Amino acid sequence: MVHTYEVLVDIKEYLALNDNTSRYGTKRYEIDAESRKIATDTARTLARNDYPKCTEYDVRVTRLLK
């Protein structure tokens, strides 16, 4: 059975290779999946596509919407 999950991904992105300046943010996704594991993996893939220079991803499923 497919459910809709709310997934938040915390993102840490360095602005330059030789610089310690970083940018933090959170991206929210609503993902239709059969399990929390699939929702987590899908959110991580989407975040990597949205933020290709990102160095750290913290993915968490926060609630079941449907």
Protein backbone atom coordinates (compact mmCIF):
# COMPACT_ATOMS: atom_id res chain seq x y z
CA MET A 1 0.00 0.00 0.00
CA VAL A 2 1.37 3.41 -0.98
CA HIS A 3 1.43 6.21 1.59
CA THR A 4 2.43 9.86 1.36
CA TYR A 5 5.29 10.74 3.69
CA GLU A 6 6.62 14.15 4.68
CA VAL A 7 10.40 14.00 4.53
CA LEU A 8 12.79 16.75 5.63
CA VAL A 9 16.37 16.86 4.41
CA ASP A 10 18.91 19.05 6.22
CA ILE A 11 21.57 20.22 3.81
CA LYS A 12 25.11 21.47 4.38
CA GLU A 13 26.82 22.94 1.35
CA TYR A 14 30.27 24.52 1.17
CA LEU A 15 30.45 27.57 -1.07
CA ALA A 16 34.02 27.00 -2.29
CA LEU A 17 36.54 24.16 -2.18
CA ASN A 18 39.20 26.08 -0.23
CA ASP A 19 36.78 27.95 2.03
CA ASN A 20 35.16 26.88 5.30
CA THR A 21 32.10 29.03 4.64
CA SER A 22 29.06 26.84 4.43
CA ARG A 23 25.36 27.21 3.85
CA TYR A 24 22.73 25.30 5.81
CA GLY A 25 19.14 24.68 4.86
CA THR A 26 16.22 22.31 5.01
CA LYS A 27 14.26 21.01 2.05
CA ARG A 28 10.77 19.50 2.48
CA TYR A 29 9.46 16.74 0.22
CA GLU A 30 6.15 14.91 0.03
CA ILE A 31 6.89 11.45 -1.28
CA ASP A 32 4.54 8.63 -2.22
CA ALA A 33 6.17 5.34 -1.24
CA GLU A 34 5.41 1.88 0.08
CA SER A 35 7.72 2.20 3.10
CA ARG A 36 9.71 4.72 5.15
CA LYS A 37 12.95 3.28 3.74
CA ILE A 38 11.88 3.93 0.16
CA ALA A 39 10.72 7.45 1.11
CA THR A 40 14.09 8.15 2.77
CA ASP A 41 16.08 6.87 -0.22
CA THR A 42 13.92 8.84 -2.67
CA ALA A 43 14.31 12.06 -0.68
CA ARG A 44 18.09 11.61 -0.55
CA THR A 45 18.19 11.16 -4.33
CA LEU A 46 16.01 14.22 -4.92
CA ALA A 47 18.17 16.33 -2.59
CA ARG A 48 21.34 15.20 -4.38
CA ASN A 49 19.79 16.26 -7.69
CA ASP A 50 18.61 19.61 -6.29
CA TYR A 51 21.90 20.36 -4.47
CA PRO A 52 24.74 18.61 -6.33
CA LYS A 53 27.50 20.48 -4.42
CA CYS A 54 26.11 19.46 -1.05
CA THR A 55 28.46 17.57 1.26
CA GLU A 56 26.10 16.42 4.03
CA TYR A 57 22.50 15.23 3.97
CA ASP A 58 20.43 14.44 7.06
CA VAL A 59 17.20 12.77 5.94
CA ARG A 60 14.27 12.15 8.27
CA VAL A 61 10.68 11.12 7.76
CA THR A 62 8.64 13.40 9.99
CA ARG A 63 5.08 12.19 9.49
CA LEU A 64 2.67 10.12 7.50
CA LEU A 65 0.33 12.40 5.51
CA LYS A 66 -1.92 9.83 3.82
